[in-house]
């Protein structure tokens, strides 16, 4: 929380006066106020829990996990045996023109896998389960970041309403002072018209700020299909104490995803290597000889010759794919560390700027408005000087809101990179 400067006390009293004036004067209220409910304020963690609990992709994630587990069961099965029937000397010429010399063989054939094919397939399928889980975690963290940015929009909109209310209060007070001076022939008529224009513009700005606030809350509530009638902590937007961030060495879901992809690529290499080993087929059968009326046992075996297809190309491709993933992992770590350092520096600079604005800019701007208004009442300044001083103060407060909004937006990006909400997303992922 930025330190409170003595110069901000009059501003708070002025803002409180503005709120009371807006509620009691029907002429200056064009749209419904930016209302809040009396319920407990909605925290960011609660917004994330509601969103992740209502995530419609959970059913799809469960289905993908079921499919991956079924793939493991399928990968662990052995090849099916085959049953064959072969009839020789069925017909022909000469002594084979009749069925008397027919020979029929009924055989049972079984292929035996070698080279650890079944174990390699099963290991690959098991690692693909982790791939499904890691990708689901990444998608949910992206969703959490979007919710956090929407939450920041609500906080910023609430602060913008307060600035707009203060602007309206200042414009209303100035318009009354100018009206009295015009009525006393101390200022020309155009000064009164200018003050009325400033007051109208202040009303329009407040209406727009209130509308933006309602839209921001509706956009946030849409993530869990809930009502936009909620409040948010007013002091959360002012909190710049956590301007740092987690270290880049944290094992985030993004790094875990690349690590799992690397494990899958390694398992795929083992599968391709096992396919280079040829599988024998053994057969056992019974042959019936028609002319002798006898039966005989037939045994056979066959194995492909690995003369041409040794699966060398597939093995090299799998190894190259693993090398690509390893290179991507290294590049991602470097880029992630660089981005984390950039965001931390930006947030620290923003926090410092807010602190200096509160300590130096706002007190001087408020003092300038007071001095110019007093001089205006004594006839020492024109109304244009009053407008310039008031705009400088409003611009400083608007700039402060923009800095704080950027600070929290960078915080959402930093939380995404460091996996700050990974545990919450993982917990909600459990059935």
Protein backbone atom coordinates (compact mmCIF):
# COMPACT_ATOMS: atom_id res chain seq x y z
CA UNK A 1 0.00 0.00 0.00
CA UNK A 2 1.57 3.35 -1.01
CA UNK A 3 2.27 5.75 1.85
CA UNK A 4 -0.42 8.28 2.50
CA UNK A 5 0.67 11.85 1.92
CA UNK A 6 -0.81 14.79 3.85
CA UNK A 7 -1.90 16.40 0.60
CA UNK A 8 -4.26 13.56 -0.17
CA UNK A 9 -6.54 14.20 2.81
CA UNK A 10 -8.33 17.14 1.14
CA UNK A 11 -8.71 14.98 -1.96
CA UNK A 12 -10.43 12.26 0.05
CA UNK A 13 -12.79 14.75 1.64
CA UNK A 14 -13.49 16.17 -1.80
CA UNK A 15 -14.19 12.71 -3.21
CA UNK A 16 -16.54 11.94 -0.31
CA UNK A 17 -18.31 15.23 -0.92
CA UNK A 18 -18.65 14.30 -4.58
CA UNK A 19 -20.24 10.95 -3.84
CA UNK A 20 -22.77 12.47 -1.48
CA UNK A 21 -23.51 15.21 -3.98
CA UNK A 22 -24.01 12.76 -6.83
CA UNK A 23 -26.44 10.67 -4.84
CA UNK A 24 -28.49 13.63 -3.67
CA UNK A 25 -28.59 15.70 -6.86
CA UNK A 26 -30.71 14.07 -9.56
CA UNK A 27 -29.66 16.50 -12.24
CA UNK A 28 -26.07 15.35 -12.31
CA UNK A 29 -26.78 11.62 -12.33
CA UNK A 30 -27.53 10.42 -15.86
CA UNK A 31 -27.13 6.68 -15.33
CA UNK A 32 -27.38 4.27 -12.38
CA UNK A 33 -24.37 4.35 -10.07
CA UNK A 34 -21.60 1.78 -10.02
CA UNK A 35 -23.30 -0.19 -7.27
CA UNK A 36 -21.82 -2.90 -5.14
CA UNK A 37 -23.55 -5.50 -3.07
CA UNK A 38 -23.28 -5.77 0.68
CA UNK A 39 -21.88 -9.29 0.41
CA UNK A 40 -18.25 -10.16 1.14
CA UNK A 41 -15.87 -8.84 -1.53
CA UNK A 42 -14.91 -11.29 -4.26
CA UNK A 43 -11.22 -12.22 -4.03
CA UNK A 44 -9.07 -13.29 -6.95
CA UNK A 45 -8.71 -16.82 -5.57
CA UNK A 46 -12.48 -17.16 -5.30
CA UNK A 47 -12.93 -15.93 -8.87
CA UNK A 48 -10.38 -18.50 -10.03
CA UNK A 49 -12.07 -21.30 -8.10
CA UNK A 50 -15.45 -20.45 -9.56
CA UNK A 51 -14.04 -20.32 -13.08
CA UNK A 52 -12.01 -23.52 -12.86
CA UNK A 53 -14.91 -25.39 -11.25
CA UNK A 54 -17.22 -24.30 -14.07
CA UNK A 55 -14.65 -24.99 -16.79
CA UNK A 56 -16.59 -26.74 -19.60
CA UNK A 57 -13.41 -28.42 -20.86
CA UNK A 58 -13.24 -30.71 -17.80
CA UNK A 59 -15.45 -33.29 -19.51
CA UNK A 60 -13.15 -33.28 -22.52
CA UNK A 61 -10.08 -33.70 -20.32
CA UNK A 62 -11.65 -36.68 -18.58
CA UNK A 63 -12.52 -38.23 -21.92
CA UNK A 64 -8.95 -37.77 -23.16
CA UNK A 65 -7.61 -39.38 -19.99
CA UNK A 66 -9.99 -42.32 -20.42
CA UNK A 67 -8.84 -42.69 -24.02
CA UNK A 68 -5.18 -42.63 -22.97
CA UNK A 69 -5.76 -45.26 -20.28
CA UNK A 70 -7.58 -47.43 -22.79
CA UNK A 71 -4.61 -47.01 -25.12
CA UNK A 72 -2.35 -48.39 -22.37
CA UNK A 73 -4.53 -51.47 -22.03
CA UNK A 74 -4.55 -51.95 -25.79
CA UNK A 75 -0.78 -51.51 -26.08
CA UNK A 76 -0.20 -54.29 -23.55
CA UNK A 77 -2.07 -57.03 -25.45
CA UNK A 78 -0.33 -59.77 -27.45
CA UNK A 79 -0.87 -60.40 -31.18
CA UNK A 80 -3.88 -62.54 -31.98
CA UNK A 81 -3.30 -66.10 -33.15
CA UNK A 82 -4.67 -67.21 -36.47
CA UNK A 83 -6.44 -70.38 -37.56
CA UNK A 84 -5.83 -71.56 -41.10
CA UNK A 85 -7.35 -74.16 -43.39
CA UNK A 86 -5.53 -75.44 -46.44
CA UNK A 87 -6.83 -78.06 -48.91
CA UNK A 88 -4.36 -79.63 -51.38
CA UNK A 89 -5.06 -81.81 -54.43
CA UNK A 90 -8.65 -80.62 -54.37
CA UNK A 91 -9.02 -81.17 -58.12
CA UNK A 92 -6.83 -81.46 -61.14
CA UNK A 93 -6.08 -83.90 -64.00
CA UNK A 94 -5.20 -87.57 -64.17
CA UNK A 95 -5.13 -89.19 -60.76
CA UNK A 96 -6.03 -85.88 -59.13
CA UNK A 97 -9.26 -85.43 -61.08
CA UNK A 98 -11.31 -86.78 -58.21
CA UNK A 99 -11.47 -85.93 -54.55
CA UNK A 100 -9.93 -89.21 -53.51
CA UNK A 101 -6.43 -87.78 -53.05
CA UNK A 102 -7.42 -84.60 -51.24
CA UNK A 103 -5.19 -83.48 -48.37
CA UNK A 104 -6.62 -81.00 -45.84
CA UNK A 105 -4.55 -79.19 -43.21
CA UNK A 106 -5.96 -77.34 -40.25
CA UNK A 107 -3.28 -75.15 -38.59
CA UNK A 108 -2.93 -72.82 -35.62
CA UNK A 109 -0.45 -69.95 -36.04
CA UNK A 110 0.99 -67.59 -33.45
CA UNK A 111 3.37 -64.65 -33.94
CA UNK A 112 5.81 -64.03 -31.11
CA UNK A 113 7.00 -60.46 -30.62
CA UNK A 114 10.69 -59.97 -29.99
CA UNK A 115 12.80 -56.97 -29.06
CA UNK A 116 10.49 -55.80 -26.25
CA UNK A 117 7.80 -54.51 -28.62
CA UNK A 118 4.93 -54.90 -26.17
CA UNK A 119 6.85 -53.33 -23.28
CA UNK A 120 7.92 -50.40 -25.46
CA UNK A 121 4.35 -49.80 -26.70
CA UNK A 122 3.01 -49.89 -23.16
CA UNK A 123 5.67 -47.48 -21.86
CA UNK A 124 4.87 -45.03 -24.67
CA UNK A 125 1.14 -45.18 -23.96
CA UNK A 126 1.73 -44.60 -20.24
CA UNK A 127 3.83 -41.51 -20.91
CA UNK A 128 1.15 -40.15 -23.23
CA UNK A 129 -1.19 -40.03 -20.20
CA UNK A 130 1.16 -37.52 -18.62
CA UNK A 131 1.12 -35.56 -21.87
CA UNK A 132 -2.67 -35.25 -21.73
CA UNK A 133 -2.54 -34.11 -18.10
CA UNK A 134 0.22 -31.55 -18.76
CA UNK A 135 -1.60 -30.04 -21.73
CA UNK A 136 -4.80 -29.79 -19.72
CA UNK A 137 -2.89 -28.03 -16.94
CA UNK A 138 -1.45 -25.53 -19.44
CA UNK A 139 -4.88 -24.74 -20.85
CA UNK A 140 -6.32 -24.18 -17.39
CA UNK A 141 -3.43 -21.90 -16.43
CA UNK A 142 -4.12 -19.86 -19.57
CA UNK A 143 -7.74 -19.66 -18.45
CA UNK A 144 -6.62 -18.52 -14.98
CA UNK A 145 -4.53 -15.76 -16.56
CA UNK A 146 -7.52 -14.56 -18.58
CA UNK A 147 -9.63 -14.46 -15.40
CA UNK A 148 -6.90 -12.57 -13.55
CA UNK A 149 -6.74 -9.96 -16.33
CA UNK A 150 -10.53 -9.61 -16.22
CA UNK A 151 -10.29 -9.16 -12.44
CA UNK A 152 -7.72 -6.38 -12.98
CA UNK A 153 -10.13 -4.71 -15.40
CA UNK A 154 -12.78 -4.67 -12.67
CA UNK A 155 -10.35 -3.14 -10.16
CA UNK A 156 -9.20 -0.52 -12.67
CA UNK A 157 -12.78 0.34 -13.64
CA UNK A 158 -13.64 0.85 -9.99
CA UNK A 159 -10.69 3.23 -9.60
CA UNK A 160 -11.67 5.09 -12.77
CA UNK A 161 -15.15 5.66 -11.35
CA UNK A 162 -13.60 7.26 -8.26
CA UNK A 163 -11.49 9.57 -10.47
CA UNK A 164 -14.55 10.47 -12.56
CA UNK A 165 -16.54 11.25 -9.42
CA UNK A 166 -13.79 13.53 -8.18
CA UNK A 167 -13.63 15.25 -11.56
CA UNK A 168 -17.37 15.83 -11.45
CA UNK A 169 -17.17 17.28 -7.94
CA UNK A 170 -14.39 19.66 -8.99
CA UNK A 171 -16.26 20.69 -12.14
CA UNK A 172 -19.49 21.26 -10.20
CA UNK A 173 -17.78 23.43 -7.62
CA UNK A 174 -16.00 25.44 -10.32
CA UNK A 175 -19.24 25.92 -12.26
CA UNK A 176 -20.98 27.33 -9.18
CA UNK A 177 -18.10 29.71 -8.47
CA UNK A 178 -18.04 30.93 -12.08
CA UNK A 179 -21.82 31.32 -12.12
CA UNK A 180 -21.65 33.60 -9.09
CA UNK A 181 -18.89 35.66 -10.71
CA UNK A 182 -20.80 35.93 -14.00
CA UNK A 183 -23.95 36.93 -12.15
CA UNK A 184 -21.94 39.64 -10.42
CA UNK A 185 -20.52 40.82 -13.76
CA UNK A 186 -17.01 39.94 -12.61
CA UNK A 187 -16.47 37.46 -15.50
CA UNK A 188 -17.76 37.41 -19.08
CA UNK A 189 -20.58 35.14 -20.18
CA UNK A 190 -18.28 32.81 -22.14
CA UNK A 191 -16.62 31.83 -18.85
CA UNK A 192 -19.96 30.51 -17.59
CA UNK A 193 -20.54 28.65 -20.85
CA UNK A 194 -17.07 27.12 -20.59
CA UNK A 195 -17.71 25.99 -17.03
CA UNK A 196 -21.01 24.40 -18.03
CA UNK A 197 -19.26 22.56 -20.86
CA UNK A 198 -16.64 21.24 -18.44
CA UNK A 199 -19.39 20.10 -16.09
CA UNK A 200 -21.23 18.32 -18.92
CA UNK A 201 -18.02 16.60 -19.97
CA UNK A 202 -17.40 15.48 -16.39
CA UNK A 203 -20.90 13.95 -16.28
CA UNK A 204 -20.27 12.11 -19.56
CA UNK A 205 -16.95 10.80 -18.21
CA UNK A 206 -18.63 9.50 -15.08
CA UNK A 207 -21.36 7.80 -17.09
CA UNK A 208 -18.74 6.13 -19.28
CA UNK A 209 -16.71 5.01 -16.27
CA UNK A 210 -19.79 3.50 -14.62
CA UNK A 211 -20.72 1.70 -17.84
CA UNK A 212 -17.19 0.36 -18.21
CA UNK A 213 -17.34 -0.86 -14.63
CA UNK A 214 -20.57 -2.76 -15.18
CA UNK A 215 -19.23 -4.26 -18.41
CA UNK A 216 -16.01 -5.33 -16.69
CA UNK A 217 -17.88 -7.08 -13.89
CA UNK A 218 -20.21 -8.78 -16.37
CA UNK A 219 -17.21 -9.98 -18.41
CA UNK A 220 -15.61 -11.45 -15.28
CA UNK A 221 -18.80 -13.12 -14.07
CA UNK A 222 -19.29 -14.67 -17.52
CA UNK A 223 -16.36 -17.00 -16.84
CA UNK A 224 -18.49 -18.94 -14.36
CA UNK A 225 -21.89 -17.91 -15.79
CA UNK A 226 -22.71 -16.05 -12.59
CA UNK A 227 -24.22 -12.74 -11.59
CA UNK A 228 -22.31 -9.50 -11.97
CA UNK A 229 -23.69 -8.24 -8.64
CA UNK A 230 -20.52 -8.60 -6.61
CA UNK A 231 -17.93 -6.32 -5.06
CA UNK A 232 -14.14 -6.42 -5.13
CA UNK A 233 -11.70 -5.28 -2.42
CA UNK A 234 -11.08 -1.57 -2.93
CA UNK A 235 -7.58 -1.64 -1.45
CA UNK A 236 -6.36 -4.50 -3.66
CA UNK A 237 -5.79 -2.18 -6.60
CA UNK A 238 -3.54 0.03 -4.45
CA UNK A 239 -1.37 -2.84 -3.23
CA UNK A 240 2.06 -2.73 -4.90
CA UNK A 241 3.99 -4.55 -2.20
CA UNK A 242 4.43 -7.72 -4.25
CA UNK A 243 6.40 -6.11 -7.06
CA UNK A 244 8.85 -9.00 -7.37
CA UNK A 245 8.09 -12.52 -8.48
CA UNK A 246 9.04 -16.17 -8.22
CA UNK A 247 12.45 -17.21 -9.44
CA UNK A 248 12.90 -18.57 -12.92
CA UNK A 249 14.05 -21.94 -11.53
CA UNK A 250 10.53 -22.92 -10.48
CA UNK A 251 9.37 -26.11 -12.22
CA UNK A 252 6.29 -24.73 -13.91
CA UNK A 253 3.71 -26.69 -15.92
CA UNK A 254 5.21 -25.30 -19.14
CA UNK A 255 8.58 -26.84 -18.30
CA UNK A 256 6.86 -30.01 -17.17
CA UNK A 257 5.04 -30.25 -20.50
CA UNK A 258 8.30 -30.05 -22.43
CA UNK A 259 9.87 -32.61 -20.09
CA UNK A 260 6.95 -34.99 -20.65
CA UNK A 261 7.21 -34.47 -24.41
CA UNK A 262 10.88 -35.38 -24.13
CA UNK A 263 9.98 -38.58 -22.24
CA UNK A 264 7.40 -39.44 -24.89
CA UNK A 265 10.00 -38.91 -27.64
CA UNK A 266 12.43 -41.20 -25.80
CA UNK A 267 9.74 -43.88 -25.47
CA UNK A 268 8.95 -43.51 -29.18
CA UNK A 269 12.61 -44.21 -30.00
CA UNK A 270 12.38 -47.45 -28.02
CA UNK A 271 9.25 -48.42 -29.97
CA UNK A 272 10.95 -47.81 -33.32
CA UNK A 273 14.03 -49.73 -32.22
CA UNK A 274 11.91 -52.71 -31.18
CA UNK A 275 10.28 -52.74 -34.61
CA UNK A 276 13.66 -53.37 -36.18
CA UNK A 277 13.66 -56.82 -34.59
CA UNK A 278 11.88 -59.42 -36.74
CA UNK A 279 9.07 -61.50 -35.23
CA UNK A 280 8.83 -65.25 -35.89
CA UNK A 281 5.56 -67.02 -36.56
CA UNK A 282 5.12 -70.62 -35.39
CA UNK A 283 2.37 -72.88 -36.69
CA UNK A 284 1.04 -76.24 -35.58
CA UNK A 285 -1.48 -78.19 -37.61
CA UNK A 286 -3.14 -81.48 -38.42
CA UNK A 287 -3.20 -82.83 -41.97
CA UNK A 288 -5.76 -85.34 -43.20
CA UNK A 289 -4.75 -87.53 -46.16
CA UNK A 290 -7.86 -88.74 -47.99
CA UNK A 291 -6.44 -91.67 -49.98
CA UNK A 292 -4.65 -93.22 -46.98
CA UNK A 293 -7.35 -92.28 -44.51
CA UNK A 294 -4.68 -91.09 -42.11
CA UNK A 295 -3.75 -87.93 -40.28
CA UNK A 296 -0.36 -86.32 -39.71
CA UNK A 297 1.02 -83.56 -37.50
CA UNK A 298 2.42 -80.53 -39.30
CA UNK A 299 4.81 -78.06 -37.63
CA UNK A 300 6.13 -74.90 -39.27
CA UNK A 301 7.89 -71.65 -38.53
CA UNK A 302 8.72 -68.49 -40.45
CA UNK A 303 10.58 -65.26 -39.78
CA UNK A 304 10.98 -62.20 -42.02
CA UNK A 305 14.46 -61.48 -43.27
CA UNK A 306 15.66 -58.08 -42.22
CA UNK A 307 17.42 -57.50 -45.51
CA UNK A 308 15.89 -54.26 -46.73
CA UNK A 309 13.56 -52.79 -44.08
CA UNK A 310 15.48 -52.39 -40.82
CA UNK A 311 13.35 -49.42 -39.67
CA UNK A 312 16.49 -47.28 -39.67
CA UNK A 313 14.74 -44.20 -41.03
CA UNK A 314 11.99 -44.31 -38.39
CA UNK A 315 14.59 -44.64 -35.62
CA UNK A 316 16.56 -41.67 -36.92
CA UNK A 317 13.38 -39.61 -37.21
CA UNK A 318 12.40 -40.39 -33.60
CA UNK A 319 15.85 -39.39 -32.39
CA UNK A 320 15.72 -36.15 -34.35
CA UNK A 321 12.31 -35.34 -32.87
CA UNK A 322 13.72 -35.85 -29.37
CA UNK A 323 16.62 -33.52 -30.22
CA UNK A 324 14.12 -30.88 -31.38
CA UNK A 325 12.25 -31.07 -28.08
CA UNK A 326 15.50 -30.81 -26.11
CA UNK A 327 16.45 -27.70 -28.09
CA UNK A 328 12.97 -26.20 -27.55
CA UNK A 329 13.26 -26.87 -23.82
CA UNK A 330 16.57 -25.04 -23.58
CA UNK A 331 15.31 -22.11 -25.66
CA UNK A 332 12.11 -21.86 -23.63
CA UNK A 333 14.03 -21.73 -20.35
CA UNK A 334 16.16 -18.86 -21.61
CA UNK A 335 13.19 -16.92 -22.99
CA UNK A 336 11.20 -17.53 -19.81
CA UNK A 337 13.99 -16.24 -17.57
CA UNK A 338 14.36 -13.17 -19.78
CA UNK A 339 10.62 -12.44 -19.72
CA UNK A 340 10.39 -12.93 -15.96
CA UNK A 341 13.26 -10.49 -15.42
CA UNK A 342 11.58 -7.97 -17.74
CA UNK A 343 8.23 -8.20 -15.95
CA UNK A 344 9.83 -7.91 -12.52
CA UNK A 345 11.69 -4.77 -13.63
CA UNK A 346 8.53 -3.26 -15.14
CA UNK A 347 6.54 -3.90 -11.97
CA UNK A 348 9.26 -2.45 -9.78
CA UNK A 349 9.39 0.67 -11.96
CA UNK A 350 5.60 0.99 -11.88
CA UNK A 351 5.51 0.63 -8.09
CA UNK A 352 8.22 3.29 -7.76
CA UNK A 353 6.34 5.63 -10.08
CA UNK A 354 3.12 5.23 -8.07
CA UNK A 355 5.02 5.94 -4.87
CA UNK A 356 6.59 9.09 -6.29
CA UNK A 357 3.26 10.20 -7.74
CA UNK A 358 1.67 9.92 -4.30
CA UNK A 359 4.57 11.70 -2.62
CA UNK A 360 5.39 14.42 -5.17
CA UNK A 361 2.96 14.83 -8.04
CA UNK A 362 -0.47 14.61 -6.42
CA UNK A 363 0.24 16.86 -3.40
CA UNK A 364 1.67 19.57 -5.68
CA UNK A 365 -1.20 19.25 -8.15
CA UNK A 366 -3.76 19.47 -5.35
CA UNK A 367 -1.97 22.49 -3.87
CA UNK A 368 -1.89 24.14 -7.30
CA UNK A 369 -5.65 23.69 -7.68
CA UNK A 370 -6.24 25.24 -4.25
CA UNK A 371 -3.95 28.20 -4.94
CA UNK A 372 -5.38 28.87 -8.39
CA UNK A 373 -8.95 28.65 -7.12
CA UNK A 374 -8.20 31.06 -4.27
CA UNK A 375 -6.51 33.43 -6.68
CA UNK A 376 -9.44 33.11 -9.07
CA UNK A 377 -11.88 34.07 -6.31
CA UNK A 378 -9.73 37.14 -5.60
CA UNK A 379 -9.60 38.01 -9.28
CA UNK A 380 -5.93 37.16 -9.73
CA UNK A 381 -6.41 34.27 -12.23
CA UNK A 382 -8.72 33.57 -15.12
CA UNK A 383 -11.03 30.60 -15.42
CA UNK A 384 -8.65 29.06 -17.99
CA UNK A 385 -6.01 28.87 -15.26
CA UNK A 386 -8.49 27.06 -13.04
CA UNK A 387 -9.30 24.59 -15.82
CA UNK A 388 -5.60 23.95 -16.50
CA UNK A 389 -4.86 23.26 -12.83
CA UNK A 390 -7.86 20.95 -12.48
CA UNK A 391 -6.98 19.03 -15.65
CA UNK A 392 -3.40 18.58 -14.42
CA UNK A 393 -4.71 17.03 -11.21
CA UNK A 394 -7.19 14.75 -13.01
CA UNK A 395 -4.54 13.74 -15.54
CA UNK A 396 -2.18 12.82 -12.71
CA UNK A 397 -4.84 10.66 -11.05
CA UNK A 398 -5.76 9.07 -14.39
CA UNK A 399 -2.11 8.33 -15.10
CA UNK A 400 -1.82 6.76 -11.65
CA UNK A 401 -4.72 4.42 -12.42
CA UNK A 402 -3.11 3.47 -15.74
CA UNK A 403 0.20 2.68 -14.00
CA UNK A 404 -1.51 0.52 -11.39
CA UNK A 405 -3.50 -1.30 -14.06
CA UNK A 406 -0.31 -2.03 -16.00
CA UNK A 407 1.33 -3.17 -12.76
CA UNK A 408 -1.39 -5.74 -12.10
CA UNK A 409 -1.55 -6.85 -15.75
CA UNK A 410 2.17 -7.57 -15.66
CA UNK A 411 1.51 -9.41 -12.41
CA UNK A 412 -0.96 -11.68 -14.21
CA UNK A 413 1.64 -12.41 -16.89
CA UNK A 414 4.26 -13.08 -14.20
CA UNK A 415 1.93 -15.41 -12.31
CA UNK A 416 1.34 -17.33 -15.54
CA UNK A 417 5.06 -17.71 -16.26
CA UNK A 418 5.90 -18.80 -12.73
CA UNK A 419 2.86 -21.07 -12.34
CA UNK A 420 1.53 -19.20 -9.30
CA UNK A 421 -1.93 -20.79 -9.68
CA UNK A 422 -0.71 -24.25 -10.71
CA UNK A 423 -1.74 -25.91 -7.46
CA UNK A 424 -5.26 -24.48 -7.65
CA UNK A 425 -5.63 -25.60 -11.27
CA UNK A 426 -4.27 -29.05 -10.44
CA UNK A 427 -6.62 -29.46 -7.49
CA UNK A 428 -9.65 -28.52 -9.56
CA UNK A 429 -8.51 -30.99 -12.23
CA UNK A 430 -8.92 -33.94 -9.90
CA UNK A 431 -12.22 -35.85 -10.35
